[in-house]
Amino acid sequence: MKFSLDVENNPTGWPDHTQLPESDGTFVKNFQEHPQSILLTDSITPVLERIHADGNYCIGQDSGIYWRLTDPLEKGAEAPDWFYVPNVPPTLDGQLRRSYVMWQEFVAPLILLEFVSGNGAEERDRTPLLRSGKQETKPGKFWIYENVIRPAFYGIYEVTEASVEVYHLVDNSYHLVQVNDRGHYPIPQLGVELGIWQGMYQNAELPWLRWWDSQGNLLLSGAERAEQERERADRAEDKLEQLRAQLRSAGIEPEL
């Protein structure tokens, strides 16, 4: 793909998010991917809003992370199913992000998640990038995340196995994180835990990847929070009606 650069506004000579393709044209692999991403984002948003009072964070859902300049351009990007980057603005120059460009911002995601549709070989591929003359090997996704993009946590979620494995970047390499007593993976920087929850979400009974707080309380989606409030209001109304009935039985007409 050919492109032209506005050198005056982009003096580095490297393309920014407005000049890079925002899609490689591939299909979302299954019907669970988008609801799963929405559930993760919706339920953790109150936590992120508390951490980032200035609003400076961004979440990518099946969005490109550009880590090198290639021809065609989209070959220089990976598109994780879900990732969170702290301390960066959600927009650039008043525009929504089309992609996340490593050479433009230099801030690595804190956590990055892949939802496995096959056997997980692609997500665990550690093949390094090797060059010989003009030829090069295609690097594996795991190698790219570990050596170039470098999120502090990398999670691989297998819905068919109802399992997730989480890696933590320590001393420049990924180490498998052990589950805690609740079967969750702690993410200390956020004060949350990641794990599998079996239940109904958006009309599908499935094992879902979800967040809990550090005390083991499930972080609810907006719809779940609203339902919880309705149930509380109903219980309060029931108690009030019982109190009215007791007053009437004592010959006292309660004021409305």
C-alpha atoms as a PDB file:
ATOM      1  CA  MET A   1       0.000   0.000   0.000  1.00  0.00           C
ATOM      2  CA  LYS A   2       1.371   3.414  -0.992  1.00  0.00           C
ATOM      3  CA  PHE A   3       1.047   6.384   1.321  1.00  0.00           C
ATOM      4  CA  SER A   4       2.213   9.961   1.532  1.00  0.00           C
ATOM      5  CA  LEU A   5       3.402  11.716   4.679  1.00  0.00           C
ATOM      6  CA  ASP A   6       2.764  15.184   5.997  1.00  0.00           C
ATOM      7  CA  VAL A   7       6.359  15.820   7.005  1.00  0.00           C
ATOM      8  CA  GLU A   8       5.599  19.230   8.521  1.00  0.00           C
ATOM      9  CA  ASN A   9       3.144  17.720  11.052  1.00  0.00           C
ATOM     10  CA  ASN A  10       4.975  14.414  11.344  1.00  0.00           C
ATOM     11  CA  PRO A  11       8.665  15.303  11.306  1.00  0.00           C
ATOM     12  CA  THR A  12       9.831  11.798  12.197  1.00  0.00           C
ATOM     13  CA  GLY A  13       8.830  10.641   8.726  1.00  0.00           C
ATOM     14  CA  TRP A  14       6.993   7.637  10.169  1.00  0.00           C
ATOM     15  CA  PRO A  15       3.224   7.274   9.617  1.00  0.00           C
ATOM     16  CA  ASP A  16       0.817   7.940  12.480  1.00  0.00           C
ATOM     17  CA  HIS A  17      -2.524   6.322  13.337  1.00  0.00           C
ATOM     18  CA  THR A  18      -4.372   8.352  10.684  1.00  0.00           C
ATOM     19  CA  GLN A  19      -2.116   7.032   7.903  1.00  0.00           C
ATOM     20  CA  LEU A  20      -2.087   3.347   8.853  1.00  0.00           C
ATOM     21  CA  PRO A  21      -4.793   0.836   7.890  1.00  0.00           C
ATOM     22  CA  GLU A  22      -7.245   0.184  10.718  1.00  0.00           C
ATOM     23  CA  SER A  23      -8.165  -3.282   9.453  1.00  0.00           C
ATOM     24  CA  ASP A  24      -6.517  -6.123   7.577  1.00  0.00           C
ATOM     25  CA  GLY A  25      -9.866  -7.226   6.198  1.00  0.00           C
ATOM     26  CA  THR A  26     -10.165 -10.433   8.223  1.00  0.00           C
ATOM     27  CA  PHE A  27     -13.419 -11.542   9.809  1.00  0.00           C
ATOM     28  CA  VAL A  28     -14.053 -11.767  13.532  1.00  0.00           C
ATOM     29  CA  LYS A  29     -13.585 -15.479  14.197  1.00  0.00           C
ATOM     30  CA  ASN A  30     -16.702 -16.273  16.240  1.00  0.00           C
ATOM     31  CA  PHE A  31     -19.844 -14.717  17.693  1.00  0.00           C
ATOM     32  CA  GLN A  32     -18.496 -14.626  21.248  1.00  0.00           C
ATOM     33  CA  GLU A  33     -15.545 -12.315  20.555  1.00  0.00           C
ATOM     34  CA  HIS A  34     -17.369  -8.978  20.529  1.00  0.00           C
ATOM     35  CA  PRO A  35     -19.658  -9.704  23.532  1.00  0.00           C
ATOM     36  CA  GLN A  36     -16.626 -10.957  25.436  1.00  0.00           C
ATOM     37  CA  SER A  37     -14.684  -7.753  24.750  1.00  0.00           C
ATOM     38  CA  ILE A  38     -17.683  -5.602  25.686  1.00  0.00           C
ATOM     39  CA  LEU A  39     -18.121  -7.497  28.965  1.00  0.00           C
ATOM     40  CA  LEU A  40     -14.461  -7.005  29.907  1.00  0.00           C
ATOM     41  CA  THR A  41     -14.554  -3.287  29.095  1.00  0.00           C
ATOM     42  CA  ASP A  42     -17.947  -2.563  30.654  1.00  0.00           C
ATOM     43  CA  SER A  43     -17.175  -4.254  33.970  1.00  0.00           C
ATOM     44  CA  ILE A  44     -13.703  -2.771  34.492  1.00  0.00           C
ATOM     45  CA  THR A  45     -14.569   0.792  33.444  1.00  0.00           C
ATOM     46  CA  PRO A  46     -15.475   1.974  36.994  1.00  0.00           C
ATOM     47  CA  VAL A  47     -12.073   0.714  38.207  1.00  0.00           C
ATOM     48  CA  LEU A  48     -10.219   2.519  35.421  1.00  0.00           C
ATOM     49  CA  GLU A  49     -12.177   5.726  36.022  1.00  0.00           C
ATOM     50  CA  ARG A  50     -11.077   5.676  39.663  1.00  0.00           C
ATOM     51  CA  ILE A  51      -7.438   5.043  38.718  1.00  0.00           C
ATOM     52  CA  HIS A  52      -7.411   7.600  35.905  1.00  0.00           C
ATOM     53  CA  ALA A  53      -9.218  10.667  37.218  1.00  0.00           C
ATOM     54  CA  ASP A  54      -7.853  12.560  34.205  1.00  0.00           C
ATOM     55  CA  GLY A  55      -9.388  10.039  31.788  1.00  0.00           C
ATOM     56  CA  ASN A  56      -6.016   9.196  30.294  1.00  0.00           C
ATOM     57  CA  TYR A  57      -6.225   5.550  29.322  1.00  0.00           C
ATOM     58  CA  CYS A  58      -7.336   3.633  26.266  1.00  0.00           C
ATOM     59  CA  ILE A  59      -8.813   0.225  25.559  1.00  0.00           C
ATOM     60  CA  GLY A  60      -8.471  -1.572  22.249  1.00  0.00           C
ATOM     61  CA  GLN A  61     -10.939  -4.245  21.149  1.00  0.00           C
ATOM     62  CA  ASP A  62      -9.776  -6.196  18.097  1.00  0.00           C
ATOM     63  CA  SER A  63      -7.715  -3.106  17.245  1.00  0.00           C
ATOM     64  CA  GLY A  64      -4.308  -2.925  15.586  1.00  0.00           C
ATOM     65  CA  ILE A  65      -1.052  -2.353  17.444  1.00  0.00           C
ATOM     66  CA  TYR A  66       1.632  -1.245  14.977  1.00  0.00           C
ATOM     67  CA  TRP A  67       5.098  -2.335  16.039  1.00  0.00           C
ATOM     68  CA  ARG A  68       7.126  -1.999  12.808  1.00  0.00           C
ATOM     69  CA  LEU A  69       6.934  -0.397   9.386  1.00  0.00           C
ATOM     70  CA  THR A  70       6.348  -2.910   6.580  1.00  0.00           C
ATOM     71  CA  ASP A  71       5.034  -3.170   3.055  1.00  0.00           C
ATOM     72  CA  PRO A  72       2.112  -3.752   3.048  1.00  0.00           C
ATOM     73  CA  LEU A  73       1.600  -1.667   6.186  1.00  0.00           C
ATOM     74  CA  GLU A  74      -0.866  -3.979   7.930  1.00  0.00           C
ATOM     75  CA  LYS A  75       1.762  -6.739   8.143  1.00  0.00           C
ATOM     76  CA  GLY A  76       3.514  -4.619  10.747  1.00  0.00           C
ATOM     77  CA  ALA A  77       0.588  -4.842  13.158  1.00  0.00           C
ATOM     78  CA  GLU A  78      -0.995  -7.307  15.531  1.00  0.00           C
ATOM     79  CA  ALA A  79      -4.669  -7.002  16.446  1.00  0.00           C
ATOM     80  CA  PRO A  80      -5.214  -8.366  19.970  1.00  0.00           C
ATOM     81  CA  ASP A  81      -8.774  -9.114  20.941  1.00  0.00           C
ATOM     82  CA  TRP A  82      -8.550  -6.835  24.002  1.00  0.00           C
ATOM     83  CA  PHE A  83      -5.889  -4.612  25.546  1.00  0.00           C
ATOM     84  CA  TYR A  84      -5.567  -1.735  28.003  1.00  0.00           C
ATOM     85  CA  VAL A  85      -2.931   1.016  27.931  1.00  0.00           C
ATOM     86  CA  PRO A  86      -2.574   3.288  30.977  1.00  0.00           C
ATOM     87  CA  ASN A  87      -1.689   6.980  30.981  1.00  0.00           C
ATOM     88  CA  VAL A  88      -2.315   7.759  27.317  1.00  0.00           C
ATOM     89  CA  PRO A  89      -5.186   9.917  26.006  1.00  0.00           C
ATOM     90  CA  PRO A  90      -8.160   8.123  24.443  1.00  0.00           C
ATOM     91  CA  THR A  91      -8.002  10.452  21.426  1.00  0.00           C
ATOM     92  CA  LEU A  92      -5.183  12.014  19.439  1.00  0.00           C
ATOM     93  CA  ASP A  93      -5.481  15.523  17.993  1.00  0.00           C
ATOM     94  CA  GLY A  94      -9.218  15.396  18.609  1.00  0.00           C
ATOM     95  CA  GLN A  95      -9.674  12.144  16.671  1.00  0.00           C
ATOM     96  CA  LEU A  96     -10.625   8.694  17.868  1.00  0.00           C
ATOM     97  CA  ARG A  97      -7.740   6.293  17.576  1.00  0.00           C
ATOM     98  CA  ARG A  98      -7.721   4.161  14.456  1.00  0.00           C
ATOM     99  CA  SER A  99      -4.926   2.012  15.861  1.00  0.00           C
ATOM    100  CA  TYR A 100      -2.223   2.091  18.512  1.00  0.00           C
ATOM    101  CA  VAL A 101       1.208   2.996  17.128  1.00  0.00           C
ATOM    102  CA  MET A 102       4.191   1.985  19.245  1.00  0.00           C
ATOM    103  CA  TRP A 103       6.674   4.346  17.588  1.00  0.00           C
ATOM    104  CA  GLN A 104       4.289   7.232  18.155  1.00  0.00           C
ATOM    105  CA  GLU A 105       3.737   6.788  21.908  1.00  0.00           C
ATOM    106  CA  PHE A 106       6.194   4.230  23.354  1.00  0.00           C
ATOM    107  CA  VAL A 107       3.813   3.165  26.166  1.00  0.00           C
ATOM    108  CA  ALA A 108       3.213  -0.593  26.286  1.00  0.00           C
ATOM    109  CA  PRO A 109      -0.183  -2.055  27.186  1.00  0.00           C
ATOM    110  CA  LEU A 110      -0.460  -3.181  30.790  1.00  0.00           C
ATOM    111  CA  ILE A 111      -2.537  -6.213  29.823  1.00  0.00           C
ATOM    112  CA  LEU A 112      -3.302  -7.799  26.478  1.00  0.00           C
ATOM    113  CA  LEU A 113      -5.717 -10.674  25.853  1.00  0.00           C
ATOM    114  CA  GLU A 114      -6.197 -13.093  22.978  1.00  0.00           C
ATOM    115  CA  PHE A 115      -9.338 -15.215  22.544  1.00  0.00           C
ATOM    116  CA  VAL A 116      -8.413 -18.565  20.995  1.00  0.00           C
ATOM    117  CA  SER A 117     -10.568 -19.867  18.156  1.00  0.00           C
ATOM    118  CA  GLY A 118      -8.315 -22.737  17.055  1.00  0.00           C
ATOM    119  CA  ASN A 119      -5.934 -24.844  19.113  1.00  0.00           C
ATOM    120  CA  GLY A 120      -3.950 -21.908  20.518  1.00  0.00           C
ATOM    121  CA  ALA A 121      -0.846 -22.580  18.439  1.00  0.00           C
ATOM    122  CA  GLU A 122      -0.941 -19.084  16.904  1.00  0.00           C
ATOM    123  CA  GLU A 123      -1.222 -17.371  20.286  1.00  0.00           C
ATOM    124  CA  ARG A 124       1.669 -19.461  21.691  1.00  0.00           C
ATOM    125  CA  ASP A 125       3.945 -19.203  18.642  1.00  0.00           C
ATOM    126  CA  ARG A 126       7.440 -18.180  19.804  1.00  0.00           C
ATOM    127  CA  THR A 127       9.051 -18.174  16.353  1.00  0.00           C
ATOM    128  CA  PRO A 128      11.570 -15.277  16.339  1.00  0.00           C
ATOM    129  CA  LEU A 129      11.980 -12.702  13.599  1.00  0.00           C
ATOM    130  CA  LEU A 130      15.093 -13.758  11.647  1.00  0.00           C
ATOM    131  CA  ARG A 131      16.473 -12.081   8.538  1.00  0.00           C
ATOM    132  CA  SER A 132      18.732 -13.472   5.835  1.00  0.00           C
ATOM    133  CA  GLY A 133      19.371 -10.943   3.089  1.00  0.00           C
ATOM    134  CA  LYS A 134      15.939  -9.808   1.888  1.00  0.00           C
ATOM    135  CA  GLN A 135      14.244 -12.879   3.325  1.00  0.00           C
ATOM    136  CA  GLU A 136      12.832 -13.087   6.834  1.00  0.00           C
ATOM    137  CA  THR A 137      10.867 -15.563   8.919  1.00  0.00           C
ATOM    138  CA  LYS A 138       7.350 -14.636   9.976  1.00  0.00           C
ATOM    139  CA  PRO A 139       7.570 -14.006  13.724  1.00  0.00           C
ATOM    140  CA  GLY A 140       5.115 -15.703  16.049  1.00  0.00           C
ATOM    141  CA  LYS A 141       2.513 -13.764  17.990  1.00  0.00           C
ATOM    142  CA  PHE A 142       3.904 -14.794  21.395  1.00  0.00           C
ATOM    143  CA  TRP A 143       7.415 -13.681  20.329  1.00  0.00           C
ATOM    144  CA  ILE A 144       6.114 -10.288  19.147  1.00  0.00           C
ATOM    145  CA  TYR A 145       4.281  -9.656  22.410  1.00  0.00           C
ATOM    146  CA  GLU A 146       7.193 -10.800  24.561  1.00  0.00           C
ATOM    147  CA  ASN A 147       9.999  -9.055  22.675  1.00  0.00           C
ATOM    148  CA  VAL A 148       8.506  -6.013  20.961  1.00  0.00           C
ATOM    149  CA  ILE A 149       5.086  -4.885  22.207  1.00  0.00           C
ATOM    150  CA  ARG A 150       5.848  -6.148  25.725  1.00  0.00           C
ATOM    151  CA  PRO A 151       2.587  -5.885  27.688  1.00  0.00           C
ATOM    152  CA  ALA A 152       3.198  -6.564  31.378  1.00  0.00           C
ATOM    153  CA  PHE A 153       0.516  -9.298  31.274  1.00  0.00           C
ATOM    154  CA  TYR A 154      -0.465 -11.504  28.334  1.00  0.00           C
ATOM    155  CA  GLY A 155      -3.555 -13.709  28.643  1.00  0.00           C
ATOM    156  CA  ILE A 156      -4.618 -16.552  26.353  1.00  0.00           C
ATOM    157  CA  TYR A 157      -8.290 -17.457  26.758  1.00  0.00           C
ATOM    158  CA  GLU A 158      -9.630 -20.729  25.343  1.00  0.00           C
ATOM    159  CA  VAL A 159     -13.409 -20.685  25.421  1.00  0.00           C
ATOM    160  CA  THR A 160     -13.731 -24.311  24.262  1.00  0.00           C
ATOM    161  CA  GLU A 161     -11.582 -25.404  27.202  1.00  0.00           C
ATOM    162  CA  ALA A 162     -13.103 -22.871  29.630  1.00  0.00           C
ATOM    163  CA  SER A 163      -9.556 -21.911  30.618  1.00  0.00           C
ATOM    164  CA  VAL A 164      -7.167 -18.985  30.585  1.00  0.00           C
ATOM    165  CA  GLU A 165      -3.422 -18.824  31.075  1.00  0.00           C
ATOM    166  CA  VAL A 166      -1.701 -15.587  32.014  1.00  0.00           C
ATOM    167  CA  TYR A 167       1.938 -14.613  31.543  1.00  0.00           C
ATOM    168  CA  HIS A 168       3.802 -11.855  33.381  1.00  0.00           C
ATOM    169  CA  LEU A 169       6.799 -10.084  31.857  1.00  0.00           C
ATOM    170  CA  VAL A 170       9.705 -10.488  34.307  1.00  0.00           C
ATOM    171  CA  ASP A 171      13.349  -9.795  33.407  1.00  0.00           C
ATOM    172  CA  ASN A 172      12.442  -9.434  29.712  1.00  0.00           C
ATOM    173  CA  SER A 173      10.672 -12.773  29.377  1.00  0.00           C
ATOM    174  CA  TYR A 174       7.201 -14.145  30.063  1.00  0.00           C
ATOM    175  CA  HIS A 175       6.613 -16.330  33.104  1.00  0.00           C
ATOM    176  CA  LEU A 176       3.384 -18.242  33.654  1.00  0.00           C
ATOM    177  CA  VAL A 177       1.347 -16.757  36.505  1.00  0.00           C
ATOM    178  CA  GLN A 178      -0.028 -19.168  39.105  1.00  0.00           C
ATOM    179  CA  VAL A 179      -3.676 -18.938  40.110  1.00  0.00           C
ATOM    180  CA  ASN A 180      -4.603 -17.816  43.614  1.00  0.00           C
ATOM    181  CA  ASP A 181      -6.868 -19.693  46.047  1.00  0.00           C
ATOM    182  CA  ARG A 182      -9.941 -18.521  44.097  1.00  0.00           C
ATOM    183  CA  GLY A 183      -8.577 -19.838  40.802  1.00  0.00           C
ATOM    184  CA  HIS A 184      -7.961 -16.279  39.551  1.00  0.00           C
ATOM    185  CA  TYR A 185      -4.934 -14.444  38.198  1.00  0.00           C
ATOM    186  CA  PRO A 186      -4.135 -11.259  40.160  1.00  0.00           C
ATOM    187  CA  ILE A 187      -3.305  -8.078  38.241  1.00  0.00           C
ATOM    188  CA  PRO A 188      -1.859  -6.040  41.148  1.00  0.00           C
ATOM    189  CA  GLN A 189      -1.486  -2.747  39.241  1.00  0.00           C
ATOM    190  CA  LEU A 190      -5.280  -2.639  38.800  1.00  0.00           C
ATOM    191  CA  GLY A 191      -6.266  -4.282  42.066  1.00  0.00           C
ATOM    192  CA  VAL A 192      -8.273  -6.884  40.142  1.00  0.00           C
ATOM    193  CA  GLU A 193      -8.195 -10.566  39.305  1.00  0.00           C
ATOM    194  CA  LEU A 194      -8.896 -12.319  36.016  1.00  0.00           C
ATOM    195  CA  GLY A 195     -10.683 -15.645  35.753  1.00  0.00           C
ATOM    196  CA  ILE A 196     -13.480 -17.725  34.242  1.00  0.00           C
ATOM    197  CA  TRP A 197     -17.151 -17.222  35.135  1.00  0.00           C
ATOM    198  CA  GLN A 198     -19.847 -19.599  33.932  1.00  0.00           C
ATOM    199  CA  GLY A 199     -23.134 -17.850  33.316  1.00  0.00           C
ATOM    200  CA  MET A 200     -25.557 -16.044  31.029  1.00  0.00           C
ATOM    201  CA  TYR A 201     -24.474 -12.915  29.188  1.00  0.00           C
ATOM    202  CA  GLN A 202     -26.149 -11.446  26.091  1.00  0.00           C
ATOM    203  CA  ASN A 203     -28.385 -14.487  25.690  1.00  0.00           C
ATOM    204  CA  ALA A 204     -25.527 -17.003  25.784  1.00  0.00           C
ATOM    205  CA  GLU A 205     -24.749 -19.442  28.601  1.00  0.00           C
ATOM    206  CA  LEU A 206     -20.968 -19.819  28.323  1.00  0.00           C
ATOM    207  CA  PRO A 207     -17.741 -19.678  30.279  1.00  0.00           C
ATOM    208  CA  TRP A 208     -16.826 -15.973  30.137  1.00  0.00           C
ATOM    209  CA  LEU A 209     -13.540 -14.264  30.905  1.00  0.00           C
ATOM    210  CA  ARG A 210     -14.243 -11.815  33.739  1.00  0.00           C
ATOM    211  CA  TRP A 211     -12.783  -9.541  36.419  1.00  0.00           C
ATOM    212  CA  TRP A 212     -13.053  -9.760  40.200  1.00  0.00           C
ATOM    213  CA  ASP A 213     -11.803  -7.292  42.781  1.00  0.00           C
ATOM    214  CA  SER A 214      -8.957  -8.187  45.148  1.00  0.00           C
ATOM    215  CA  GLN A 215     -11.506  -9.489  47.707  1.00  0.00           C
ATOM    216  CA  GLY A 216     -13.003 -11.889  45.192  1.00  0.00           C
ATOM    217  CA  ASN A 217     -16.156  -9.918  44.360  1.00  0.00           C
ATOM    218  CA  LEU A 218     -17.257 -10.169  40.748  1.00  0.00           C
ATOM    219  CA  LEU A 219     -17.072  -6.858  38.865  1.00  0.00           C
ATOM    220  CA  LEU A 220     -20.523  -6.381  37.367  1.00  0.00           C
ATOM    221  CA  SER A 221     -21.476  -5.137  33.937  1.00  0.00           C
ATOM    222  CA  GLY A 222     -23.673  -2.061  33.606  1.00  0.00           C
ATOM    223  CA  ALA A 223     -26.750  -4.217  33.041  1.00  0.00           C
ATOM    224  CA  GLU A 224     -25.913  -6.361  36.071  1.00  0.00           C
ATOM    225  CA  ARG A 225     -25.410  -3.253  38.221  1.00  0.00           C
ATOM    226  CA  ALA A 226     -28.778  -1.883  37.092  1.00  0.00           C
ATOM    227  CA  GLU A 227     -30.486  -5.203  37.864  1.00  0.00           C
ATOM    228  CA  GLN A 228     -28.854  -5.252  41.295  1.00  0.00           C
ATOM    229  CA  GLU A 229     -30.214  -1.763  41.996  1.00  0.00           C
ATOM    230  CA  ARG A 230     -33.708  -2.806  40.866  1.00  0.00           C
ATOM    231  CA  GLU A 231     -33.614  -5.789  43.218  1.00  0.00           C
ATOM    232  CA  ARG A 232     -32.521  -3.561  46.099  1.00  0.00           C
ATOM    233  CA  ALA A 233     -35.336  -1.107  45.340  1.00  0.00           C
ATOM    234  CA  ASP A 234     -37.860  -3.968  45.196  1.00  0.00           C
ATOM    235  CA  ARG A 235     -36.673  -5.326  48.550  1.00  0.00           C
ATOM    236  CA  ALA A 236     -36.897  -1.856  50.093  1.00  0.00           C
ATOM    237  CA  GLU A 237     -40.442  -1.430  48.739  1.00  0.00           C
ATOM    238  CA  ASP A 238     -41.432  -4.852  50.129  1.00  0.00           C
ATOM    239  CA  LYS A 239     -40.117  -3.923  53.571  1.00  0.00           C
ATOM    240  CA  LEU A 240     -41.945  -0.599  53.435  1.00  0.00           C
ATOM    241  CA  GLU A 241     -45.193  -2.318  52.502  1.00  0.00           C
ATOM    242  CA  GLN A 242     -44.769  -4.759  55.408  1.00  0.00           C
ATOM    243  CA  LEU A 243     -44.283  -1.804  57.756  1.00  0.00           C
ATOM    244  CA  ARG A 244     -47.443  -0.136  56.416  1.00  0.00           C
ATOM    245  CA  ALA A 245     -49.391  -3.354  56.957  1.00  0.00           C
ATOM    246  CA  GLN A 246     -48.134  -3.581  60.549  1.00  0.00           C
ATOM    247  CA  LEU A 247     -49.187   0.026  61.223  1.00  0.00           C
ATOM    248  CA  ARG A 248     -52.649  -0.571  59.770  1.00  0.00           C
ATOM    249  CA  SER A 249     -53.093  -3.691  61.879  1.00  0.00           C
ATOM    250  CA  ALA A 250     -52.342  -1.493  64.922  1.00  0.00           C
ATOM    251  CA  GLY A 251     -55.026   0.994  63.828  1.00  0.00           C
ATOM    252  CA  ILE A 252     -52.621   3.543  62.441  1.00  0.00           C
ATOM    253  CA  GLU A 253     -53.023   4.751  58.886  1.00  0.00           C
ATOM    254  CA  PRO A 254     -49.510   5.456  57.533  1.00  0.00           C
ATOM    255  CA  GLU A 255     -48.895   8.665  55.648  1.00  0.00           C
ATOM    256  CA  LEU A 256     -47.856   8.118  52.052  1.00  0.00           C
END
